[in-house]
Protein backbone atom coordinates (compact mmCIF):
# COMPACT_ATOMS: atom_id res chain seq x y z
CA MET A 1 -13.45 28.67 15.63
CA LYS A 2 -11.48 30.27 12.82
CA LYS A 3 -9.61 27.75 10.68
CA LEU A 4 -5.84 28.20 10.70
CA HIS A 5 -4.05 29.14 7.49
CA PRO A 6 -2.30 26.10 5.85
CA ALA A 7 1.07 27.83 6.41
CA HIS A 8 0.42 28.58 10.09
CA PRO A 9 3.25 27.06 12.23
CA LEU A 10 0.76 25.60 14.74
CA ARG A 11 -1.04 23.68 12.00
CA ILE A 12 2.22 22.38 10.50
CA PHE A 13 4.17 21.52 13.66
CA LEU A 14 1.32 20.36 15.94
CA VAL A 15 1.50 16.68 14.95
CA SER A 16 5.31 16.67 15.19
CA SER A 17 5.10 18.21 18.65
CA LEU A 18 2.50 15.70 19.87
CA ILE A 19 4.45 12.70 18.54
CA THR A 20 7.69 14.04 20.05
CA LEU A 21 6.01 14.51 23.44
CA ALA A 22 4.39 11.06 23.28
CA LEU A 23 7.72 9.39 22.46
CA GLY A 24 9.38 11.48 25.17
CA GLY A 25 6.80 10.24 27.67
CA TRP A 26 7.49 6.63 26.65
CA VAL A 27 11.24 7.19 27.05
CA VAL A 28 10.75 8.67 30.56
CA SER A 29 8.57 5.69 31.59
CA LYS A 30 11.25 3.24 30.42
CA LEU A 31 14.55 5.05 31.06
CA GLY A 32 13.78 7.99 33.33
CA ILE A 33 15.06 11.57 33.05
CA ALA A 34 18.53 10.42 31.91
CA GLY A 35 16.92 8.66 28.93
CA LEU A 36 14.86 11.77 28.14
CA TRP A 37 18.06 13.84 28.00
CA VAL A 38 19.64 11.43 25.49
CA TYR A 39 16.37 11.35 23.51
CA THR A 40 16.39 15.17 23.28
CA ILE A 41 20.00 15.18 22.06
CA LEU A 42 19.15 12.60 19.36
CA VAL A 43 16.15 14.65 18.13
CA ILE A 44 18.31 17.80 17.90
CA LEU A 45 21.11 15.81 16.20
CA GLU A 46 18.74 14.53 13.51
CA VAL A 47 17.15 17.94 12.83
CA THR A 48 20.56 19.64 12.72
CA PHE A 49 21.96 17.05 10.32
CA SER A 50 18.93 17.15 8.05
CA PHE A 51 17.90 20.83 7.94
CA ASP A 52 19.52 21.24 4.53
CA ASN A 53 17.71 18.04 3.53
CA ALA A 54 14.41 19.80 4.31
CA VAL A 55 15.37 22.68 2.00
CA ILE A 56 16.05 20.34 -0.93
CA ASN A 57 12.93 18.30 -0.12
CA SER A 58 10.73 21.41 -0.30
CA LYS A 59 12.13 22.27 -3.74
CA VAL A 60 11.42 18.80 -5.15
CA LEU A 61 8.08 18.54 -3.34
CA ALA A 62 6.89 21.81 -4.91
CA LYS A 63 6.95 20.05 -8.32
CA LEU A 64 4.71 17.19 -7.19
CA SER A 65 0.93 17.00 -7.32
CA LEU A 66 -1.01 17.38 -4.05
CA LEU A 67 -1.59 13.60 -3.94
CA TRP A 68 2.13 12.83 -4.10
CA GLN A 69 2.90 15.52 -1.55
CA ARG A 70 0.51 13.75 0.83
CA ILE A 71 2.09 10.38 0.04
CA PHE A 72 5.51 11.81 0.89
CA LEU A 73 4.19 13.17 4.19
CA THR A 74 2.39 9.94 5.20
CA VAL A 75 3.94 6.87 3.57
CA GLY A 76 7.23 8.77 3.40
CA ILE A 77 7.29 9.24 7.19
CA PHE A 78 6.81 5.49 7.71
CA ILE A 79 9.71 4.80 5.32
CA ALA A 80 11.88 7.46 6.98
CA VAL A 81 11.29 6.19 10.54
CA PHE A 82 10.89 2.42 10.20
CA VAL A 83 12.66 1.48 6.94
CA VAL A 84 15.56 3.94 6.86
CA ARG A 85 16.33 4.21 10.57
CA PHE A 86 15.58 0.63 11.65
CA LEU A 87 15.26 -1.84 8.77
CA LEU A 88 18.04 -0.51 6.52
CA PRO A 89 20.74 -0.54 9.25
CA ILE A 90 19.71 -4.16 10.01
CA ILE A 91 20.19 -5.08 6.34
CA ILE A 92 23.59 -3.39 6.39
CA VAL A 93 24.58 -5.32 9.55
CA MET A 94 23.36 -8.54 7.86
CA ALA A 95 25.66 -7.83 4.91
CA ALA A 96 28.58 -6.94 7.18
CA SER A 97 28.20 -9.89 9.58
CA GLY A 98 26.75 -12.61 7.33
CA GLN A 99 23.97 -13.29 9.85
CA GLY A 100 20.27 -13.80 9.13
CA PHE A 101 17.55 -11.19 9.59
CA MET A 102 16.10 -12.49 12.87
CA SER A 103 19.59 -12.97 14.34
CA VAL A 104 20.44 -9.35 13.63
CA VAL A 105 17.10 -8.13 15.02
CA ASP A 106 17.77 -10.18 18.18
CA MET A 107 21.26 -8.65 18.36
CA ALA A 108 19.84 -5.12 17.95
CA LEU A 109 17.31 -5.62 20.75
CA HIS A 110 19.37 -7.68 23.20
CA ASP A 111 23.04 -6.99 22.40
CA ALA A 112 23.04 -3.39 21.20
CA THR A 113 26.79 -3.00 21.81
CA ALA A 114 27.65 -5.78 19.33
CA TYR A 115 25.06 -4.41 16.89
CA GLY A 116 26.59 -0.93 17.08
CA GLU A 117 30.10 -2.29 16.61
CA THR A 118 29.05 -4.29 13.54
CA LEU A 119 27.31 -1.24 12.08
CA HIS A 120 30.50 0.78 12.66
CA LYS A 121 32.46 -1.88 10.74
CA ALA A 122 30.13 -1.26 7.79
CA ALA A 123 30.82 2.51 7.99
CA PRO A 124 33.24 2.56 4.98
CA MET A 125 30.53 1.16 2.69
CA ILE A 126 27.96 3.61 4.08
CA ASP A 127 30.29 6.63 3.85
CA ALA A 128 31.41 5.76 0.32
CA PHE A 129 27.83 5.35 -0.96
CA GLY A 130 26.30 8.25 0.99
CA GLY A 131 29.20 10.61 0.28
CA THR A 132 29.11 9.84 -3.45
CA PHE A 133 25.33 10.27 -3.72
CA LEU A 134 25.36 13.58 -1.81
CA ILE A 135 28.27 15.01 -3.80
CA MET A 136 26.53 13.99 -7.04
CA ILE A 137 23.49 15.99 -5.91
CA GLY A 138 25.67 19.01 -5.14
CA ILE A 139 27.70 19.07 -8.33
CA SER A 140 24.61 18.32 -10.46
CA TYR A 141 23.03 21.46 -9.04
CA PHE A 142 26.06 23.72 -9.55
CA MET A 143 27.23 22.23 -12.88
CA ASP A 144 24.12 23.42 -14.67
CA ARG A 145 24.79 25.75 -17.59
CA LYS A 146 21.18 27.03 -17.42
CA LYS A 147 21.72 28.26 -13.85
CA ASP A 148 21.87 32.07 -13.90
CA ILE A 149 21.67 32.97 -10.17
CA HIS A 150 25.01 32.57 -8.41
CA TRP A 151 25.70 33.01 -4.70
CA LEU A 152 29.46 32.48 -4.51
CA GLY A 153 30.27 34.52 -7.57
CA ASN A 154 33.09 33.21 -9.73
CA ILE A 155 33.13 29.74 -8.17
CA GLU A 156 29.51 29.01 -9.08
CA LYS A 157 29.85 30.70 -12.48
CA LYS A 158 32.80 28.45 -13.39
CA LEU A 159 30.96 25.35 -12.18
CA ALA A 160 27.89 26.34 -14.21
CA SER A 161 30.09 26.88 -17.26
CA ALA A 162 31.61 23.41 -16.79
CA GLY A 163 28.08 22.03 -17.08
CA ARG A 164 28.37 22.20 -20.88
CA PHE A 165 30.41 19.00 -20.64
CA GLU A 166 27.56 16.56 -20.09
CA ASN A 167 29.50 13.66 -18.53
CA LEU A 168 32.06 15.67 -16.56
CA LYS A 169 30.37 15.20 -13.19
CA VAL A 170 30.27 11.42 -13.67
CA LEU A 171 33.93 11.42 -14.71
CA VAL A 172 34.84 13.47 -11.61
CA MET A 173 33.05 11.07 -9.25
CA LEU A 174 34.44 7.92 -10.89
CA SER A 175 37.92 9.46 -10.68
CA ALA A 176 37.32 10.16 -6.98
CA ALA A 177 36.20 6.53 -6.53
CA MET A 178 39.42 5.27 -8.13
CA ILE A 179 41.55 7.59 -5.97
CA MET A 180 39.82 6.26 -2.87
CA TYR A 181 40.32 2.71 -4.11
CA VAL A 182 44.11 3.12 -4.18
CA THR A 183 44.38 5.19 -0.98
CA VAL A 184 42.00 3.62 1.59
CA ASP A 185 42.86 0.58 3.73
CA ASP A 186 43.31 -2.66 1.78
CA ALA A 187 40.62 -4.36 3.86
CA TYR A 188 37.75 -2.39 2.32
CA ARG A 189 39.08 -1.13 -1.01
CA THR A 190 36.68 -3.20 -3.12
CA THR A 191 33.72 -2.34 -0.85
CA VAL A 192 34.43 1.40 -1.12
CA LEU A 193 34.81 1.26 -4.91
CA ALA A 194 31.60 -0.76 -5.39
CA ALA A 195 29.63 1.52 -3.02
CA SER A 196 30.89 4.67 -4.78
CA ILE A 197 30.01 3.34 -8.23
CA LEU A 198 26.56 2.32 -6.92
CA GLY A 199 26.06 5.88 -5.60
CA VAL A 200 26.93 7.35 -9.02
CA MET A 201 24.74 4.86 -10.90
CA LEU A 202 21.76 5.34 -8.58
CA HIS A 203 21.88 9.13 -8.91
CA MET A 204 22.23 8.89 -12.70
CA GLY A 205 19.43 6.33 -12.92
CA LEU A 206 16.97 8.39 -10.87
CA GLU A 207 17.89 11.52 -12.83
CA LEU A 208 17.44 9.81 -16.21
CA LEU A 209 14.14 8.15 -15.23
CA GLY A 210 12.88 11.46 -13.85
CA HIS A 211 13.61 13.25 -17.14
CA LEU A 212 12.13 10.35 -19.15
CA PHE A 213 8.79 10.19 -17.36
CA GLU A 214 8.59 13.97 -17.08
CA SER A 215 8.91 14.28 -20.87
CA LYS A 216 6.10 11.71 -21.31
CA GLN A 217 3.76 13.65 -19.06
CA ALA A 218 0.83 15.40 -20.73
CA SER A 219 1.83 18.80 -22.08
CA GLY A 220 0.70 21.79 -20.06
CA MET A 221 0.83 19.95 -16.71
CA LYS A 222 2.91 21.96 -14.24
CA GLU A 223 2.87 19.32 -11.48
CA GLN A 224 4.49 15.90 -11.65
CA VAL A 225 2.10 12.93 -11.54
CA GLY A 226 2.31 9.19 -12.17
CA MET A 227 5.75 7.67 -12.74
CA ALA A 228 7.51 11.05 -12.89
CA ALA A 229 6.22 11.82 -9.39
CA PHE A 230 7.10 8.31 -8.20
CA ILE A 231 10.72 8.73 -9.34
CA SER A 232 10.92 12.07 -7.52
CA PHE A 233 9.49 10.33 -4.44
CA LEU A 234 12.22 7.65 -4.67
CA TYR A 235 14.83 10.38 -5.08
CA LEU A 236 13.64 12.05 -1.87
CA GLU A 237 13.74 8.76 0.05
CA VAL A 238 17.28 7.93 -1.14
CA LEU A 239 18.36 11.47 -0.23
CA ASP A 240 16.85 11.00 3.23
CA ALA A 241 18.67 7.68 3.61
CA SER A 242 21.99 9.25 2.59
CA PHE A 243 21.58 11.88 5.30
CA SER A 244 20.37 9.46 7.96
CA PHE A 245 23.11 6.82 7.60
CA ASP A 246 25.64 9.11 9.22
CA GLY A 247 23.17 10.07 11.92
CA VAL A 248 22.40 6.42 12.78
CA ILE A 249 26.08 5.56 13.13
CA GLY A 250 26.76 8.75 15.07
CA ALA A 251 23.88 7.96 17.43
CA PHE A 252 25.72 4.86 18.66
CA ALA A 253 28.44 7.16 19.96
CA ILE A 254 25.77 8.63 22.26
CA THR A 255 23.85 5.50 23.28
CA ASN A 256 23.69 1.78 22.46
CA ASP A 257 19.94 1.54 23.12
CA VAL A 258 18.49 0.78 19.66
CA LEU A 259 14.90 1.60 20.61
CA LEU A 260 16.01 4.93 22.08
CA ILE A 261 17.93 5.70 18.87
CA ILE A 262 14.87 4.86 16.74
CA ALA A 263 12.65 7.05 18.96
CA GLY A 264 15.05 10.04 18.91
CA LEU A 265 16.00 9.90 15.23
CA GLY A 266 12.42 9.02 14.26
CA ALA A 267 11.02 12.07 16.07
CA GLY A 268 13.74 14.17 14.43
CA ALA A 269 12.79 12.79 11.00
CA ILE A 270 9.15 13.79 11.57
CA TRP A 271 10.30 17.33 12.47
CA VAL A 272 12.31 17.44 9.22
CA ARG A 273 9.14 16.49 7.31
CA SER A 274 7.27 19.31 9.07
CA LEU A 275 10.07 21.74 8.23
CA THR A 276 9.76 20.63 4.59
CA VAL A 277 6.03 21.44 4.62
CA TYR A 278 6.67 24.79 6.31
CA LEU A 279 9.29 25.80 3.72
CA LEU A 280 6.97 24.67 0.92
CA ARG A 281 3.81 26.45 2.13
CA THR A 282 5.52 29.69 3.12
CA GLY A 283 7.45 29.90 -0.15
CA THR A 284 10.70 30.36 1.76
CA LEU A 285 12.86 29.38 -1.23
CA THR A 286 11.45 32.30 -3.22
CA LYS A 287 11.91 34.73 -0.30
CA TYR A 288 15.58 33.82 0.18
CA ARG A 289 17.15 33.53 -3.26
CA TYR A 290 20.40 31.96 -2.02
CA LEU A 291 18.88 29.46 0.45
CA GLU A 292 18.90 26.65 -2.10
CA HIS A 293 22.55 27.42 -2.90
CA GLY A 294 23.47 27.24 0.77
CA ALA A 295 21.68 23.88 1.15
CA HIS A 296 23.57 22.40 -1.80
CA TRP A 297 26.92 23.67 -0.48
CA ALA A 298 26.00 22.04 2.84
CA ILE A 299 25.22 18.78 1.04
CA LEU A 300 28.57 18.93 -0.75
CA ALA A 301 30.33 19.57 2.58
CA LEU A 302 28.58 16.61 4.25
CA GLY A 303 29.50 14.36 1.32
CA ILE A 304 33.15 15.41 1.62
CA VAL A 305 33.07 14.78 5.39
CA MET A 306 31.81 11.24 4.70
CA PHE A 307 34.75 10.72 2.34
CA ILE A 308 37.18 12.05 4.94
CA LYS A 309 35.88 9.48 7.44
CA LEU A 310 37.19 6.74 5.17
CA TYR A 311 40.67 7.78 6.32
CA HIS A 312 39.87 7.32 10.03
CA ILE A 313 39.38 11.05 10.60
CA GLU A 314 36.25 11.50 12.71
CA PRO A 315 35.04 15.12 13.03
CA PRO A 316 32.89 15.69 16.15
CA GLU A 317 29.14 15.24 15.57
CA TRP A 318 28.46 18.84 16.61
CA MET A 319 30.90 20.09 13.98
CA THR A 320 29.41 17.98 11.18
CA GLY A 321 25.87 18.99 12.10
CA SER A 322 26.76 22.67 12.46
CA LEU A 323 28.40 22.75 9.02
CA GLY A 324 25.07 22.66 7.22
CA LEU A 325 23.51 25.25 9.52
CA VAL A 326 26.43 27.64 8.92
CA PHE A 327 25.99 27.44 5.13
CA ILE A 328 22.22 27.89 5.37
CA ALA A 329 22.39 30.75 7.88
CA THR A 330 25.00 32.54 5.74
CA ALA A 331 22.86 32.03 2.61
CA ILE A 332 19.81 33.51 4.38
CA VAL A 333 21.81 36.57 5.54
CA SER A 334 23.20 37.03 2.01
CA SER A 335 19.66 36.78 0.61
CA VAL A 336 18.37 39.45 3.01
CA ILE A 337 21.27 41.78 2.17
CA GLU A 338 20.73 41.25 -1.56
CA ARG A 339 16.98 41.90 -1.23
CA ARG A 340 17.59 45.15 0.65
CA ARG A 341 20.21 46.25 -1.88
CA ALA A 342 17.82 45.54 -4.78
CA SER A 343 15.02 47.39 -2.94
CA LYS A 344 17.24 50.46 -2.49
CA GLN A 345 18.18 50.39 -6.16
CA ASP A 346 14.51 50.23 -7.14
CA SER A 347 13.73 53.12 -4.82
CA TYR A 348 16.59 55.13 -6.29
CA VAL A 349 15.41 54.46 -9.85
CA GLY A 350 11.87 55.44 -8.86
CA TRP A 351 13.12 58.65 -7.23
CA SER A 352 15.12 59.51 -10.33
């Protein structure tokens, strides 16, 4: 039998498909067809929310050695499913309720309504941290004076030009944190400020450590290894957590069954990992020159939506999820148009 090419969709998505079907079978055995319908919605919700995450993941993953790519796709999946979508929300509920670990686990498994309500109460902290971290990623990408490819013309050019002021992005985010501090409800002002500052510091810390260990790497090495790769791995996991927080909270608007939420969002997370591999192996980022731009605009938009939620404005889940897809789809169309235009110019020059 002929071995499939590493970039063949069947080879990349087979495991995701089998796991999704297996989890779907478990859901049917426990909750019937109605549970399967909710499970399907949760899988789609997670993939929709995190498609732009897959684009950014593939860019970072392309810099890592093959060993660290495999770690991300094995250990990283365990972290994404168990730690981020089960353990981390429990820790957040512990902080919000003051209860112990086992008490919160018991609440999650036997009183999912109370667990969901407590997690919702922690939403301001989650939105402030996640929104700050995501916006920092977006503005760090666009406020880069070395960036010479611009999708949205003058807007991106001006942002790139502003990149000559090294600490401007930090100043912008700290100013935003202070504005939120004086405008959000008194009950969670301090929480929002502390979470925002933590988001800024974490992004800065990962960025600085990444540059530090990358500079110490042996000259001539194109792929990140050792501590430089480990920092990039941590960056990817924090990025995944920032995306998933909103999805976990949003999932409780659909169902209060914690195990069903873990199954649906976990299967979705595995599909996002497979999408990351597909984008990496097919070289999609090089084929569509504006795809990365679209993903970062989507990340900025999601970060802003998380900030908006601090003011008790709750956009529908379908709208929030669709926002990223709109940016990415538009970026792909723009890339195709640009490629055809450049091809026609080359043909015209050749004819001349």
